[in-house]
Every structure is written in structure tokens, then in C-alpha cells.
Protein backbone atom coordinates (compact mmCIF):
# COMPACT_ATOMS: atom_id res chain seq x y z
CA MET A 1 -0.15 -0.10 -0.19
CA VAL A 2 1.18 4.01 -0.60
CA SER A 3 1.77 6.09 1.52
CA PRO A 4 -0.94 9.33 1.37
CA LEU A 5 2.35 11.00 1.99
CA PHE A 6 4.01 10.22 -0.93
CA ILE A 7 0.96 10.36 -3.17
CA TRP A 8 0.36 13.97 -1.21
CA ASP A 9 4.09 14.65 -2.45
CA ARG A 10 2.71 13.98 -5.70
CA ILE A 11 0.25 15.63 -6.04
CA ILE A 12 1.81 18.81 -5.25
CA THR A 13 4.69 17.87 -7.61
CA SER A 14 2.33 17.54 -10.42
CA ASN A 15 -0.06 19.66 -10.32
CA PRO A 16 0.32 22.50 -13.16
CA ASN A 17 -1.54 25.32 -10.93
CA PRO A 18 1.04 27.92 -9.38
CA ASN A 19 -1.63 28.30 -7.02
CA PHE A 20 -2.98 24.66 -5.50
CA ARG A 21 0.13 24.92 -3.18
CA GLU A 22 -1.56 28.12 -1.29
CA CYS A 23 -4.86 26.68 -1.15
CA TYR A 24 -3.94 23.62 1.32
CA THR A 25 -2.73 24.80 4.69
CA THR A 26 -1.30 22.85 7.37
CA THR A 27 -4.55 22.59 9.05
CA LYS A 28 -6.10 20.72 6.09
CA ILE A 29 -3.60 18.80 5.20
CA LEU A 30 -3.81 17.34 9.03
CA ARG A 31 -7.53 16.82 8.80
CA MET A 32 -7.15 14.56 5.20
CA ILE A 33 -4.18 12.21 7.17
CA TYR A 34 -5.94 11.95 9.59
CA LYS A 35 -9.38 11.51 8.50
CA TRP A 36 -7.06 9.28 6.55
CA TRP A 37 -5.52 6.98 9.41
CA HIS A 38 -8.78 7.05 10.56
CA ARG A 39 -10.78 5.37 7.70
CA PHE A 40 -7.60 2.64 7.62
CA VAL A 41 -7.78 1.90 11.11
CA ARG A 42 -11.92 1.69 10.89
CA LYS A 43 -11.89 -0.80 8.29
CA ARG A 44 -8.74 -2.87 9.07
CA THR A 45 -10.09 -3.41 13.15
CA LYS A 46 -13.50 -4.89 14.76
CA PRO A 47 -15.46 -2.87 16.68
CA ILE A 48 -14.59 -4.15 21.23
CA PRO A 49 -17.23 -3.92 23.25
CA GLU A 50 -17.73 -1.19 25.16
CA GLU A 51 -17.40 -3.05 28.21
CA THR A 52 -13.47 -3.93 27.04
CA ALA A 53 -12.58 -0.31 26.52
CA VAL A 54 -13.58 1.40 29.70
CA LEU A 55 -11.60 -1.58 31.29
CA TRP A 56 -9.26 -0.94 28.82
CA LYS A 57 -8.49 3.02 29.37
CA ARG A 58 -8.86 2.87 33.48
CA ARG A 59 -5.66 0.43 33.36
CA LEU A 60 -3.93 2.83 30.83
CA SER A 61 -5.04 5.68 33.15
CA ILE A 62 -3.33 3.75 35.91
CA ALA A 63 -0.58 3.15 34.48
CA TYR A 64 0.15 7.05 33.02
CA GLY A 65 -0.45 7.89 36.13
CA LEU A 66 2.35 5.90 38.06
CA VAL A 67 4.43 7.27 35.44
CA ALA A 68 3.85 10.11 35.57
CA TRP A 69 3.95 10.26 39.52
CA ASN A 70 7.44 7.88 39.37
CA ALA A 71 9.21 11.15 36.74
CA PHE A 72 7.88 13.92 38.85
CA GLY A 73 9.20 12.20 42.48
CA LEU A 74 12.49 11.73 39.41
CA VAL A 75 12.40 16.00 39.48
CA VAL A 76 12.18 16.11 42.90
CA TYR A 77 14.74 14.18 43.86
CA ASN A 78 17.64 15.76 41.31
CA VAL A 79 16.45 19.11 42.18
CA TYR A 80 17.23 17.26 46.12
CA LYS A 81 20.33 15.68 45.19
CA GLY A 82 21.73 18.84 42.93
CA LYS A 83 21.27 18.25 39.64
CA ALA A 84 18.81 20.17 38.56
CA ASP A 85 20.64 22.53 35.99
CA TRP A 86 21.35 19.18 34.38
CA ALA A 87 23.41 21.05 31.91
CA HIS A 88 25.91 21.88 34.26
CA TYR A 89 26.38 18.50 35.86
CA TYR A 90 26.30 16.70 33.11
CA GLY A 91 29.41 18.97 31.23
CA ILE A 92 27.18 19.80 28.52
CA LYS A 93 27.16 23.92 29.74
CA SER A 94 30.83 25.01 31.32
CA ASP A 95 31.35 26.93 34.38
CA GLU A 96 31.51 29.94 32.43
CA GLU A 97 28.13 29.67 30.90
CA HIS A 98 26.47 28.41 34.83
CA SER A 99 27.41 31.47 36.22
CA THR A 100 26.69 34.08 33.86
CA PRO A 101 23.56 36.36 35.26
CA PRO A 102 20.67 34.79 32.81
CA GLY A 103 19.86 38.13 31.71
CA ALA A 104 23.29 38.44 30.69
CA ALA A 105 22.30 35.32 29.08
CA TRP A 106 19.98 36.25 27.45
CA ALA A 107 20.74 39.28 25.90
CA ASN A 108 23.69 37.57 24.50
CA THR A 109 21.59 35.20 22.58
CA LEU A 110 19.05 38.28 21.47
CA GLY A 111 22.60 39.89 20.32
CA ILE A 112 22.78 43.12 22.88
CA LYS A 113 25.32 44.53 22.92
CA ASN A 114 24.41 47.11 26.10
CA ALA A 115 21.57 46.90 28.07
CA LYS A 116 20.10 47.15 31.69
CA VAL A 117 18.99 44.69 33.63
CA TYR A 118 16.92 44.96 36.72
CA ARG A 119 16.39 41.80 38.80
CA ILE A 120 13.17 42.11 40.44
CA ALA A 121 11.77 39.61 42.78
CA GLY A 122 8.25 39.95 44.06
CA PHE A 123 7.59 44.02 44.43
CA LYS A 124 11.09 44.71 45.17
CA LYS A 125 14.09 45.71 43.17
CA VAL A 126 16.96 42.98 44.14
CA ASP A 127 19.66 43.64 41.29
CA GLU A 128 20.52 46.02 38.82
CA TYR A 129 23.57 46.29 36.42
CA GLU A 130 24.70 46.89 33.25
CA ILE A 131 25.57 45.27 30.08
CA VAL A 132 28.15 46.74 28.26
CA ASP A 133 30.02 45.16 25.08
CA GLY A 134 28.96 41.54 25.23
CA GLU A 135 29.71 41.20 29.47
CA ALA A 136 27.64 42.11 32.75
CA VAL A 137 29.10 45.11 34.85
CA PHE A 138 28.28 44.70 38.39
CA MET A 139 27.01 48.28 40.24
CA ASP A 140 28.70 48.93 43.90
CA LYS A 141 25.69 47.55 46.13
CA GLU A 142 26.83 51.29 48.45
CA VAL A 143 25.09 52.74 44.77
CA ASN A 144 22.40 50.16 44.85
CA SER A 145 21.39 50.69 48.80
CA GLU A 146 21.41 54.85 47.60
CA ASN A 147 18.53 53.97 45.15
CA GLU A 148 16.56 52.05 47.35
CA GLU A 149 16.88 54.49 49.63
CA THR A 150 15.35 56.90 47.26
CA LEU A 151 13.11 54.50 46.13
CA LYS A 152 10.88 54.26 49.17
CA ASP A 153 10.72 58.00 49.32
């Protein structure tokens, strides 16, 4: 049996109409594939009794719940053991990348060379630093405390 994707590729490439590609969106194509798959499965399988379907649905949902609960436990265990940043733990991320503040890392990713970064926790300004030519330049804590006093006034 020929794959429907193969047939679809043949239709698109052999169609002389230049507007043909524009009239079929990805959603329409996915619906067509879903309908084809639904017909394919319906023709080649026999219906099962409703009680059997409910029984297997219950069994699969219990299995899914157990797997999800164990995965959650594994994540909590790794965070507790200090493996929360798995890329750094397994050596994919260097120590330099790990020590880079998140604001500077995003500025580097977005290609921003000069910026002023404010760290906020809740409704308080926690820290403030500038990025000059791609490098984070931290201000003195004394200057920071003066700025916080002026913000409170």
C-alpha cells in the first residue's frame, strides 16, 4: 500500500496550477491525514465491546498515573541532590556559562550588546547591572543601597 504522504507529494509536485499550494494549509492537510488514518484503522479492525474499552482505558490511565508520579519524584530527587541544572551537572554547559546571570545570557542570545538589567523579586528590586559590549558590569552595593533608599521615598 502506498503512503498518503507519498501520494500528497506527487500531487503537489505534478500539479500545473501555481495556486494549488496556497489553497491547502497545514491544518487542512493534517485533517486529511487524520481522516485517512481513521478510515484505515476502522476498515482493518473490528469493534470491541464497550465494557472492554472502559476496562482498558482504566488500566492505561492507572499506568499513566504511576509513570507520571515516578517521573515527578525523579525530578524532585534530582533537584534535592543538586542536579537541577542537568546541563551543567553532565558537562554540557561550561562553568563560565553556568556563572553568567540569566539577563546577560538572554542578551547574548538576542545579540544585544548594551543593556541595563533589573532583577526583581516580588515587588522589590533585588539587583541592577549593566551589560556593556556583551559583558556584565555589576555596580557597587553602596550605590545600590542609595538607589533603594530613593525608591522608598
